[in-house]
């Protein structure tokens, strides 16, 4: 995968994580739930890749994370909700398409 393809894949994974969290109860989900849901979307990312993306999203203040006895739980922030809806643009996160 070229660096440009990897950047596009990461941006798509990040948007997908934000959108999954926006539809989750209490806007929260753990890495295992995210892993299964992303696979259902045809996005085969390892749990380690998901943890890396969650750390990046947390640095951007789009999610918060907690380590619950070794299981990472992510919660969407208000800014993350705006990025998932496309009302704010965050470099490194794919913008949702119109009507998405």
PDB file of N, CA and C in Angstrom:
ATOM      1  N   UNK A   1       0.860  -1.176   0.000  1.00  0.00           N
ATOM      2  CA  UNK A   1       0.000   0.000   0.000  1.00  0.00           C
ATOM      3  C   UNK A   1       0.904   1.236   0.000  1.00  0.00           C
ATOM      4  N   UNK A   2       0.626   2.147  -0.912  1.00  0.00           N
ATOM      5  CA  UNK A   2       1.420   3.374  -0.990  1.00  0.00           C
ATOM      6  C   UNK A   2       1.102   4.270   0.219  1.00  0.00           C
ATOM      7  N   UNK A   3       1.969   5.230   0.511  1.00  0.00           N
ATOM      8  CA  UNK A   3       1.690   6.148   1.623  1.00  0.00           C
ATOM      9  C   UNK A   3       0.368   6.897   1.448  1.00  0.00           C
ATOM     10  N   UNK A   4       0.037   7.274   0.203  1.00  0.00           N
ATOM     11  CA  UNK A   4      -1.221   7.973  -0.042  1.00  0.00           C
ATOM     12  C   UNK A   4      -2.419   7.061   0.218  1.00  0.00           C
ATOM     13  N   UNK A   5      -2.304   5.803  -0.201  1.00  0.00           N
ATOM     14  CA  UNK A   5      -3.387   4.839   0.050  1.00  0.00           C
ATOM     15  C   UNK A   5      -3.542   4.587   1.542  1.00  0.00           C
ATOM     16  N   UNK A   6      -2.430   4.498   2.259  1.00  0.00           N
ATOM     17  CA  UNK A   6      -2.480   4.286   3.709  1.00  0.00           C
ATOM     18  C   UNK A   6      -3.145   5.473   4.407  1.00  0.00           C
ATOM     19  N   UNK A   7      -2.838   6.688   3.947  1.00  0.00           N
ATOM     20  CA  UNK A   7      -3.470   7.884   4.526  1.00  0.00           C
ATOM     21  C   UNK A   7      -4.975   7.877   4.281  1.00  0.00           C
ATOM     22  N   UNK A   8      -5.387   7.513   3.076  1.00  0.00           N
ATOM     23  CA  UNK A   8      -6.823   7.446   2.762  1.00  0.00           C
ATOM     24  C   UNK A   8      -7.522   6.382   3.602  1.00  0.00           C
ATOM     25  N   UNK A   9      -6.869   5.220   3.751  1.00  0.00           N
ATOM     26  CA  UNK A   9      -7.434   4.144   4.557  1.00  0.00           C
ATOM     27  C   UNK A   9      -7.584   4.599   6.016  1.00  0.00           C
ATOM     28  N   UNK A  10      -6.540   5.215   6.568  1.00  0.00           N
ATOM     29  CA  UNK A  10      -6.603   5.705   7.950  1.00  0.00           C
ATOM     30  C   UNK A  10      -7.725   6.726   8.117  1.00  0.00           C
ATOM     31  N   UNK A  11      -7.844   7.657   7.169  1.00  0.00           N
ATOM     32  CA  UNK A  11      -8.892   8.685   7.250  1.00  0.00           C
ATOM     33  C   UNK A  11     -10.278   8.047   7.209  1.00  0.00           C
ATOM     34  N   UNK A  12     -10.430   7.005   6.399  1.00  0.00           N
ATOM     35  CA  UNK A  12     -11.715   6.314   6.296  1.00  0.00           C
ATOM     36  C   UNK A  12     -12.016   5.542   7.589  1.00  0.00           C
ATOM     37  N   UNK A  13     -11.021   4.865   8.121  1.00  0.00           N
ATOM     38  CA  UNK A  13     -11.189   4.136   9.391  1.00  0.00           C
ATOM     39  C   UNK A  13     -11.589   5.113  10.494  1.00  0.00           C
ATOM     40  N   UNK A  14     -10.930   6.265  10.559  1.00  0.00           N
ATOM     41  CA  UNK A  14     -11.231   7.258  11.602  1.00  0.00           C
ATOM     42  C   UNK A  14     -12.673   7.738  11.505  1.00  0.00           C
ATOM     43  N   UNK A  15     -13.120   8.065  10.292  1.00  0.00           N
ATOM     44  CA  UNK A  15     -14.504   8.487  10.118  1.00  0.00           C
ATOM     45  C   UNK A  15     -15.453   7.362  10.518  1.00  0.00           C
ATOM     46  N   UNK A  16     -15.145   6.153  10.122  1.00  0.00           N
ATOM     47  CA  UNK A  16     -16.009   5.018  10.448  1.00  0.00           C
ATOM     48  C   UNK A  16     -16.106   4.823  11.957  1.00  0.00           C
ATOM     49  N   UNK A  17     -15.008   4.952  12.666  1.00  0.00           N
ATOM     50  CA  UNK A  17     -15.028   4.836  14.127  1.00  0.00           C
ATOM     51  C   UNK A  17     -15.921   5.918  14.718  1.00  0.00           C
ATOM     52  N   UNK A  18     -15.762   7.154  14.254  1.00  0.00           N
ATOM     53  CA  UNK A  18     -16.587   8.254  14.772  1.00  0.00           C
ATOM     54  C   UNK A  18     -18.069   7.998  14.503  1.00  0.00           C
ATOM     55  N   UNK A  19     -18.382   7.525  13.320  1.00  0.00           N
ATOM     56  CA  UNK A  19     -19.787   7.274  12.977  1.00  0.00           C
ATOM     57  C   UNK A  19     -20.355   6.109  13.789  1.00  0.00           C
ATOM     58  N   UNK A  20     -19.550   5.088  14.026  1.00  0.00           N
ATOM     59  CA  UNK A  20     -19.999   3.979  14.875  1.00  0.00           C
ATOM     60  C   UNK A  20     -20.285   4.469  16.289  1.00  0.00           C
ATOM     61  N   UNK A  21     -19.392   5.293  16.822  1.00  0.00           N
ATOM     62  CA  UNK A  21     -19.595   5.811  18.175  1.00  0.00           C
ATOM     63  C   UNK A  21     -20.819   6.725  18.237  1.00  0.00           C
ATOM     64  N   UNK A  22     -21.073   7.471  17.158  1.00  0.00           N
ATOM     65  CA  UNK A  22     -22.228   8.377  17.178  1.00  0.00           C
ATOM     66  C   UNK A  22     -23.546   7.606  17.240  1.00  0.00           C
ATOM     67  N   UNK A  23     -23.545   6.362  16.793  1.00  0.00           N
ATOM     68  CA  UNK A  23     -24.746   5.551  16.851  1.00  0.00           C
ATOM     69  C   UNK A  23     -24.787   4.571  18.013  1.00  0.00           C
ATOM     70  N   UNK A  24     -23.729   4.554  18.801  1.00  0.00           N
ATOM     71  CA  UNK A  24     -23.647   3.598  19.913  1.00  0.00           C
ATOM     72  C   UNK A  24     -24.375   4.130  21.148  1.00  0.00           C
ATOM     73  N   UNK A  25     -24.901   3.222  21.970  1.00  0.00           N
ATOM     74  CA  UNK A  25     -25.514   3.651  23.229  1.00  0.00           C
ATOM     75  C   UNK A  25     -24.503   4.450  24.063  1.00  0.00           C
ATOM     76  N   UNK A  26     -24.929   5.580  24.547  1.00  0.00           N
ATOM     77  CA  UNK A  26     -24.085   6.472  25.356  1.00  0.00           C
ATOM     78  C   UNK A  26     -22.836   6.928  24.602  1.00  0.00           C
ATOM     79  N   UNK A  27     -22.833   6.768  23.278  1.00  0.00           N
ATOM     80  CA  UNK A  27     -21.709   7.208  22.441  1.00  0.00           C
ATOM     81  C   UNK A  27     -20.402   6.532  22.825  1.00  0.00           C
ATOM     82  N   UNK A  28     -20.486   5.287  23.317  1.00  0.00           N
ATOM     83  CA  UNK A  28     -19.315   4.553  23.799  1.00  0.00           C
ATOM     84  C   UNK A  28     -19.268   3.162  23.183  1.00  0.00           C
ATOM     85  N   UNK A  29     -18.042   2.662  22.970  1.00  0.00           N
ATOM     86  CA  UNK A  29     -17.843   1.291  22.528  1.00  0.00           C
ATOM     87  C   UNK A  29     -16.407   0.882  22.845  1.00  0.00           C
ATOM     88  N   UNK A  30     -16.209  -0.423  23.010  1.00  0.00           N
ATOM     89  CA  UNK A  30     -14.850  -0.895  23.263  1.00  0.00           C
ATOM     90  C   UNK A  30     -14.200  -1.352  21.958  1.00  0.00           C
ATOM     91  N   UNK A  31     -12.912  -1.624  22.034  1.00  0.00           N
ATOM     92  CA  UNK A  31     -12.133  -1.983  20.846  1.00  0.00           C
ATOM     93  C   UNK A  31     -12.702  -3.231  20.171  1.00  0.00           C
ATOM     94  N   UNK A  32     -13.148  -4.214  20.944  1.00  0.00           N
ATOM     95  CA  UNK A  32     -13.677  -5.439  20.336  1.00  0.00           C
ATOM     96  C   UNK A  32     -14.954  -5.178  19.551  1.00  0.00           C
ATOM     97  N   UNK A  33     -15.823  -4.344  20.081  1.00  0.00           N
ATOM     98  CA  UNK A  33     -17.055  -3.990  19.371  1.00  0.00           C
ATOM     99  C   UNK A  33     -16.716  -3.228  18.089  1.00  0.00           C
ATOM    100  N   UNK A  34     -15.810  -2.275  18.188  1.00  0.00           N
ATOM    101  CA  UNK A  34     -15.400  -1.511  17.005  1.00  0.00           C
ATOM    102  C   UNK A  34     -14.769  -2.428  15.961  1.00  0.00           C
ATOM    103  N   UNK A  35     -13.961  -3.373  16.404  1.00  0.00           N
ATOM    104  CA  UNK A  35     -13.309  -4.320  15.497  1.00  0.00           C
ATOM    105  C   UNK A  35     -14.354  -5.103  14.702  1.00  0.00           C
ATOM    106  N   UNK A  36     -15.356  -5.626  15.384  1.00  0.00           N
ATOM    107  CA  UNK A  36     -16.411  -6.401  14.712  1.00  0.00           C
ATOM    108  C   UNK A  36     -17.215  -5.534  13.749  1.00  0.00           C
ATOM    109  N   UNK A  37     -17.573  -4.335  14.205  1.00  0.00           N
ATOM    110  CA  UNK A  37     -18.386  -3.448  13.365  1.00  0.00           C
ATOM    111  C   UNK A  37     -17.621  -3.001  12.125  1.00  0.00           C
ATOM    112  N   UNK A  38     -16.350  -2.674  12.279  1.00  0.00           N
ATOM    113  CA  UNK A  38     -15.546  -2.273  11.116  1.00  0.00           C
ATOM    114  C   UNK A  38     -15.426  -3.427  10.130  1.00  0.00           C
ATOM    115  N   UNK A  39     -15.259  -4.642  10.631  1.00  0.00           N
ATOM    116  CA  UNK A  39     -15.171  -5.812   9.748  1.00  0.00           C
ATOM    117  C   UNK A  39     -16.476  -5.989   8.968  1.00  0.00           C
ATOM    118  N   UNK A  40     -17.607  -5.714   9.629  1.00  0.00           N
ATOM    119  CA  UNK A  40     -18.898  -5.791   8.936  1.00  0.00           C
ATOM    120  C   UNK A  40     -18.974  -4.801   7.782  1.00  0.00           C
ATOM    121  N   UNK A  41     -18.247  -3.677   7.899  1.00  0.00           N
ATOM    122  CA  UNK A  41     -18.205  -2.666   6.835  1.00  0.00           C
ATOM    123  C   UNK A  41     -17.147  -2.978   5.783  1.00  0.00           C
ATOM    124  N   UNK A  42     -16.451  -4.105   5.935  1.00  0.00           N
ATOM    125  CA  UNK A  42     -15.402  -4.464   4.988  1.00  0.00           C
ATOM    126  C   UNK A  42     -14.077  -3.779   5.272  1.00  0.00           C
ATOM    127  N   UNK A  43     -13.934  -3.236   6.468  1.00  0.00           N
ATOM    128  CA  UNK A  43     -12.688  -2.565   6.864  1.00  0.00           C
ATOM    129  C   UNK A  43     -11.947  -3.476   7.828  1.00  0.00           C
ATOM    130  N   UNK A  44     -11.025  -4.233   7.292  1.00  0.00           N
ATOM    131  CA  UNK A  44     -10.309  -5.213   8.105  1.00  0.00           C
ATOM    132  C   UNK A  44      -9.096  -4.570   8.748  1.00  0.00           C
ATOM    133  N   UNK A  45      -9.306  -4.100   9.962  1.00  0.00           N
ATOM    134  CA  UNK A  45      -8.235  -3.498  10.748  1.00  0.00           C
ATOM    135  C   UNK A  45      -8.031  -4.355  11.989  1.00  0.00           C
ATOM    136  N   UNK A  46      -6.787  -4.506  12.378  1.00  0.00           N
ATOM    137  CA  UNK A  46      -6.505  -5.274  13.593  1.00  0.00           C
ATOM    138  C   UNK A  46      -6.905  -4.454  14.819  1.00  0.00           C
ATOM    139  N   UNK A  47      -7.037  -5.133  15.938  1.00  0.00           N
ATOM    140  CA  UNK A  47      -7.344  -4.422  17.180  1.00  0.00           C
ATOM    141  C   UNK A  47      -6.239  -3.423  17.512  1.00  0.00           C
ATOM    142  N   UNK A  48      -4.989  -3.799  17.208  1.00  0.00           N
ATOM    143  CA  UNK A  48      -3.874  -2.883  17.449  1.00  0.00           C
ATOM    144  C   UNK A  48      -3.999  -1.633  16.573  1.00  0.00           C
ATOM    145  N   UNK A  49      -4.385  -1.799  15.310  1.00  0.00           N
ATOM    146  CA  UNK A  49      -4.598  -0.648  14.429  1.00  0.00           C
ATOM    147  C   UNK A  49      -5.727   0.236  14.957  1.00  0.00           C
ATOM    148  N   UNK A  50      -6.777  -0.384  15.476  1.00  0.00           N
ATOM    149  CA  UNK A  50      -7.896   0.392  16.021  1.00  0.00           C
ATOM    150  C   UNK A  50      -7.445   1.173  17.248  1.00  0.00           C
ATOM    151  N   UNK A  51      -6.661   0.539  18.123  1.00  0.00           N
ATOM    152  CA  UNK A  51      -6.141   1.261  19.292  1.00  0.00           C
ATOM    153  C   UNK A  51      -5.267   2.436  18.857  1.00  0.00           C
ATOM    154  N   UNK A  52      -4.473   2.246  17.809  1.00  0.00           N
ATOM    155  CA  UNK A  52      -3.629   3.333  17.289  1.00  0.00           C
ATOM    156  C   UNK A  52      -4.499   4.474  16.773  1.00  0.00           C
ATOM    157  N   UNK A  53      -5.564   4.140  16.033  1.00  0.00           N
ATOM    158  CA  UNK A  53      -6.457   5.178  15.513  1.00  0.00           C
ATOM    159  C   UNK A  53      -7.202   5.885  16.646  1.00  0.00           C
ATOM    160  N   UNK A  54      -7.591   5.146  17.681  1.00  0.00           N
ATOM    161  CA  UNK A  54      -8.250   5.778  18.830  1.00  0.00           C
ATOM    162  C   UNK A  54      -7.311   6.747  19.533  1.00  0.00           C
ATOM    163  N   UNK A  55      -6.034   6.385  19.643  1.00  0.00           N
ATOM    164  CA  UNK A  55      -5.056   7.301  20.254  1.00  0.00           C
ATOM    165  C   UNK A  55      -4.940   8.574  19.419  1.00  0.00           C
ATOM    166  N   UNK A  56      -4.922   8.423  18.091  1.00  0.00           N
ATOM    167  CA  UNK A  56      -4.854   9.592  17.202  1.00  0.00           C
ATOM    168  C   UNK A  56      -6.106  10.446  17.368  1.00  0.00           C
ATOM    169  N   UNK A  57      -7.269   9.795  17.379  1.00  0.00           N
ATOM    170  CA  UNK A  57      -8.532  10.532  17.538  1.00  0.00           C
ATOM    171  C   UNK A  57      -8.585  11.246  18.889  1.00  0.00           C
ATOM    172  N   UNK A  58      -8.015  10.631  19.910  1.00  0.00           N
ATOM    173  CA  UNK A  58      -7.989  11.275  21.223  1.00  0.00           C
ATOM    174  C   UNK A  58      -7.077  12.501  21.209  1.00  0.00           C
ATOM    175  N   UNK A  59      -5.949  12.414  20.524  1.00  0.00           N
ATOM    176  CA  UNK A  59      -5.049  13.572  20.398  1.00  0.00           C
ATOM    177  C   UNK A  59      -5.756  14.747  19.730  1.00  0.00           C
ATOM    178  N   UNK A  60      -6.686  14.443  18.825  1.00  0.00           N
ATOM    179  CA  UNK A  60      -7.435  15.485  18.111  1.00  0.00           C
ATOM    180  C   UNK A  60      -8.676  15.935  18.876  1.00  0.00           C
ATOM    181  N   UNK A  61      -8.882  15.370  20.068  1.00  0.00           N
ATOM    182  CA  UNK A  61     -10.029  15.689  20.934  1.00  0.00           C
ATOM    183  C   UNK A  61     -11.368  15.269  20.306  1.00  0.00           C
ATOM    184  N   UNK A  62     -11.334  14.191  19.519  1.00  0.00           N
ATOM    185  CA  UNK A  62     -12.549  13.679  18.887  1.00  0.00           C
ATOM    186  C   UNK A  62     -13.175  12.553  19.711  1.00  0.00           C
ATOM    187  N   UNK A  63     -12.364  11.889  20.509  1.00  0.00           N
ATOM    188  CA  UNK A  63     -12.832  10.856  21.431  1.00  0.00           C
ATOM    189  C   UNK A  63     -12.043  10.975  22.731  1.00  0.00           C
ATOM    190  N   UNK A  64     -12.580  10.356  23.761  1.00  0.00           N
ATOM    191  CA  UNK A  64     -11.812  10.115  24.981  1.00  0.00           C
ATOM    192  C   UNK A  64     -11.729   8.598  25.126  1.00  0.00           C
ATOM    193  N   UNK A  65     -10.680   8.127  25.778  1.00  0.00           N
ATOM    194  CA  UNK A  65     -10.553   6.688  25.989  1.00  0.00           C
ATOM    195  C   UNK A  65     -10.271   6.405  27.456  1.00  0.00           C
ATOM    196  N   UNK A  66     -10.685   5.215  27.869  1.00  0.00           N
ATOM    197  CA  UNK A  66     -10.404   4.711  29.205  1.00  0.00           C
ATOM    198  C   UNK A  66      -9.925   3.283  29.069  1.00  0.00           C
ATOM    199  N   UNK A  67      -8.956   2.926  29.884  1.00  0.00           N
ATOM    200  CA  UNK A  67      -8.496   1.547  29.961  1.00  0.00           C
ATOM    201  C   UNK A  67      -9.259   0.890  31.105  1.00  0.00           C
ATOM    202  N   UNK A  68     -10.135  -0.030  30.762  1.00  0.00           N
ATOM    203  CA  UNK A  68     -10.956  -0.727  31.752  1.00  0.00           C
ATOM    204  C   UNK A  68     -10.414  -2.156  31.876  1.00  0.00           C
ATOM    205  N   UNK A  69      -9.453  -2.340  32.771  1.00  0.00           N
ATOM    206  CA  UNK A  69      -8.823  -3.649  32.998  1.00  0.00           C
ATOM    207  C   UNK A  69      -8.261  -4.236  31.700  1.00  0.00           C
ATOM    208  N   UNK A  70      -7.568  -3.411  30.944  1.00  0.00           N
ATOM    209  CA  UNK A  70      -6.924  -3.855  29.714  1.00  0.00           C
ATOM    210  C   UNK A  70      -7.765  -3.725  28.462  1.00  0.00           C
ATOM    211  N   UNK A  71      -9.022  -3.348  28.593  1.00  0.00           N
ATOM    212  CA  UNK A  71      -9.895  -3.162  27.439  1.00  0.00           C
ATOM    213  C   UNK A  71     -10.125  -1.669  27.235  1.00  0.00           C
ATOM    214  N   UNK A  72      -9.778  -1.179  26.064  1.00  0.00           N
ATOM    215  CA  UNK A  72      -9.933   0.244  25.769  1.00  0.00           C
ATOM    216  C   UNK A  72     -11.382   0.529  25.391  1.00  0.00           C
ATOM    217  N   UNK A  73     -11.968   1.521  26.074  1.00  0.00           N
ATOM    218  CA  UNK A  73     -13.327   1.967  25.787  1.00  0.00           C
ATOM    219  C   UNK A  73     -13.235   3.410  25.293  1.00  0.00           C
ATOM    220  N   UNK A  74     -13.820   3.674  24.140  1.00  0.00           N
ATOM    221  CA  UNK A  74     -13.795   5.012  23.539  1.00  0.00           C
ATOM    222  C   UNK A  74     -15.158   5.661  23.683  1.00  0.00           C
ATOM    223  N   UNK A  75     -15.143   6.967  23.916  1.00  0.00           N
ATOM    224  CA  UNK A  75     -16.379   7.746  23.983  1.00  0.00           C
ATOM    225  C   UNK A  75     -16.245   8.956  23.070  1.00  0.00           C
ATOM    226  N   UNK A  76     -17.264   9.192  22.287  1.00  0.00           N
ATOM    227  CA  UNK A  76     -17.285  10.306  21.342  1.00  0.00           C
ATOM    228  C   UNK A  76     -17.399  11.632  22.080  1.00  0.00           C
ATOM    229  N   UNK A  77     -16.647  12.630  21.630  1.00  0.00           N
ATOM    230  CA  UNK A  77     -16.777  13.981  22.173  1.00  0.00           C
ATOM    231  C   UNK A  77     -17.720  14.787  21.279  1.00  0.00           C
ATOM    232  N   UNK A  78     -18.057  15.964  21.742  1.00  0.00           N
ATOM    233  CA  UNK A  78     -18.903  16.842  20.925  1.00  0.00           C
ATOM    234  C   UNK A  78     -18.218  17.164  19.604  1.00  0.00           C
ATOM    235  N   UNK A  79     -16.931  17.434  19.662  1.00  0.00           N
ATOM    236  CA  UNK A  79     -16.168  17.725  18.439  1.00  0.00           C
ATOM    237  C   UNK A  79     -16.150  16.502  17.518  1.00  0.00           C
ATOM    238  N   UNK A  80     -16.046  15.318  18.105  1.00  0.00           N
ATOM    239  CA  UNK A  80     -16.081  14.086  17.323  1.00  0.00           C
ATOM    240  C   UNK A  80     -17.416  13.892  16.637  1.00  0.00           C
ATOM    241  N   UNK A  81     -18.488  14.242  17.332  1.00  0.00           N
ATOM    242  CA  UNK A  81     -19.827  14.159  16.736  1.00  0.00           C
ATOM    243  C   UNK A  81     -19.931  15.103  15.542  1.00  0.00           C
ATOM    244  N   UNK A  82     -19.383  16.309  15.693  1.00  0.00           N
ATOM    245  CA  UNK A  82     -19.397  17.270  14.584  1.00  0.00           C
ATOM    246  C   UNK A  82     -18.609  16.750  13.387  1.00  0.00           C
ATOM    247  N   UNK A  83     -17.458  16.099  13.643  1.00  0.00           N
ATOM    248  CA  UNK A  83     -16.657  15.541  12.550  1.00  0.00           C
ATOM    249  C   UNK A  83     -17.392  14.384  11.874  1.00  0.00           C
ATOM    250  N   UNK A  84     -18.049  13.550  12.672  1.00  0.00           N
ATOM    251  CA  UNK A  84     -18.802  12.420  12.111  1.00  0.00           C
ATOM    252  C   UNK A  84     -19.946  12.904  11.234  1.00  0.00           C
ATOM    253  N   UNK A  85     -20.549  14.034  11.610  1.00  0.00           N
ATOM    254  CA  UNK A  85     -21.675  14.586  10.850  1.00  0.00           C
ATOM    255  C   UNK A  85     -21.216  15.437   9.667  1.00  0.00           C
ATOM    256  N   UNK A  86     -19.929  15.766   9.629  1.00  0.00           N
ATOM    257  CA  UNK A  86     -19.412  16.591   8.539  1.00  0.00           C
ATOM    258  C   UNK A  86     -19.604  18.079   8.745  1.00  0.00           C
ATOM    259  N   UNK A  87     -19.990  18.494   9.957  1.00  0.00           N
ATOM    260  CA  UNK A  87     -20.182  19.923  10.212  1.00  0.00           C
ATOM    261  C   UNK A  87     -18.878  20.633  10.561  1.00  0.00           C
ATOM    262  N   UNK A  88     -17.832  19.857  10.806  1.00  0.00           N
ATOM    263  CA  UNK A  88     -16.499  20.410  11.000  1.00  0.00           C
ATOM    264  C   UNK A  88     -15.537  19.504  10.237  1.00  0.00           C
ATOM    265  N   UNK A  89     -14.520  20.100   9.645  1.00  0.00           N
ATOM    266  CA  UNK A  89     -13.514  19.348   8.911  1.00  0.00           C
ATOM    267  C   UNK A  89     -12.282  19.195   9.780  1.00  0.00           C
ATOM    268  N   UNK A  90     -11.808  17.964   9.906  1.00  0.00           N
ATOM    269  CA  UNK A  90     -10.610  17.665  10.679  1.00  0.00           C
ATOM    270  C   UNK A  90      -9.616  17.002   9.736  1.00  0.00           C
ATOM    271  N   UNK A  91      -8.473  17.640   9.474  1.00  0.00           N
ATOM    272  CA  UNK A  91      -7.471  16.998   8.616  1.00  0.00           C
ATOM    273  C   UNK A  91      -7.103  15.621   9.171  1.00  0.00           C
ATOM    274  N   UNK A  92      -7.124  14.623   8.299  1.00  0.00           N
ATOM    275  CA  UNK A  92      -6.819  13.261   8.711  1.00  0.00           C
ATOM    276  C   UNK A  92      -8.056  12.418   8.950  1.00  0.00           C
ATOM    277  N   UNK A  93      -9.234  13.053   8.896  1.00  0.00           N
ATOM    278  CA  UNK A  93     -10.500  12.335   9.007  1.00  0.00           C
ATOM    279  C   UNK A  93     -11.275  12.584   7.725  1.00  0.00           C
ATOM    280  N   UNK A  94     -11.665  11.513   7.062  1.00  0.00           N
ATOM    281  CA  UNK A  94     -12.438  11.656   5.831  1.00  0.00           C
ATOM    282  C   UNK A  94     -13.745  12.365   6.129  1.00  0.00           C
ATOM    283  N   UNK A  95     -14.138  13.250   5.264  1.00  0.00           N
ATOM    284  CA  UNK A  95     -15.442  13.900   5.399  1.00  0.00           C
ATOM    285  C   UNK A  95     -16.517  12.979   4.862  1.00  0.00           C
ATOM    286  N   UNK A  96     -17.648  12.893   5.561  1.00  0.00           N
ATOM    287  CA  UNK A  96     -18.728  12.058   5.018  1.00  0.00           C
ATOM    288  C   UNK A  96     -19.271  12.663   3.736  1.00  0.00           C
ATOM    289  N   UNK A  97     -19.751  11.814   2.872  1.00  0.00           N
ATOM    290  CA  UNK A  97     -20.340  12.290   1.624  1.00  0.00           C
ATOM    291  C   UNK A  97     -21.692  12.933   1.859  1.00  0.00           C
ATOM    292  N   UNK A  98     -22.211  13.646   0.876  1.00  0.00           N
ATOM    293  CA  UNK A  98     -23.527  14.269   1.019  1.00  0.00           C
ATOM    294  C   UNK A  98     -24.590  13.206   1.285  1.00  0.00           C
ATOM    295  N   UNK A  99     -25.454  13.496   2.224  1.00  0.00           N
ATOM    296  CA  UNK A  99     -26.540  12.596   2.545  1.00  0.00           C
ATOM    297  C   UNK A  99     -26.121  11.364   3.315  1.00  0.00           C
ATOM    298  N   UNK A 100     -24.838  11.292   3.669  1.00  0.00           N
ATOM    299  CA  UNK A 100     -24.340  10.088   4.388  1.00  0.00           C
ATOM    300  C   UNK A 100     -24.639  10.177   5.861  1.00  0.00           C
TER     301      UNK A 100
END
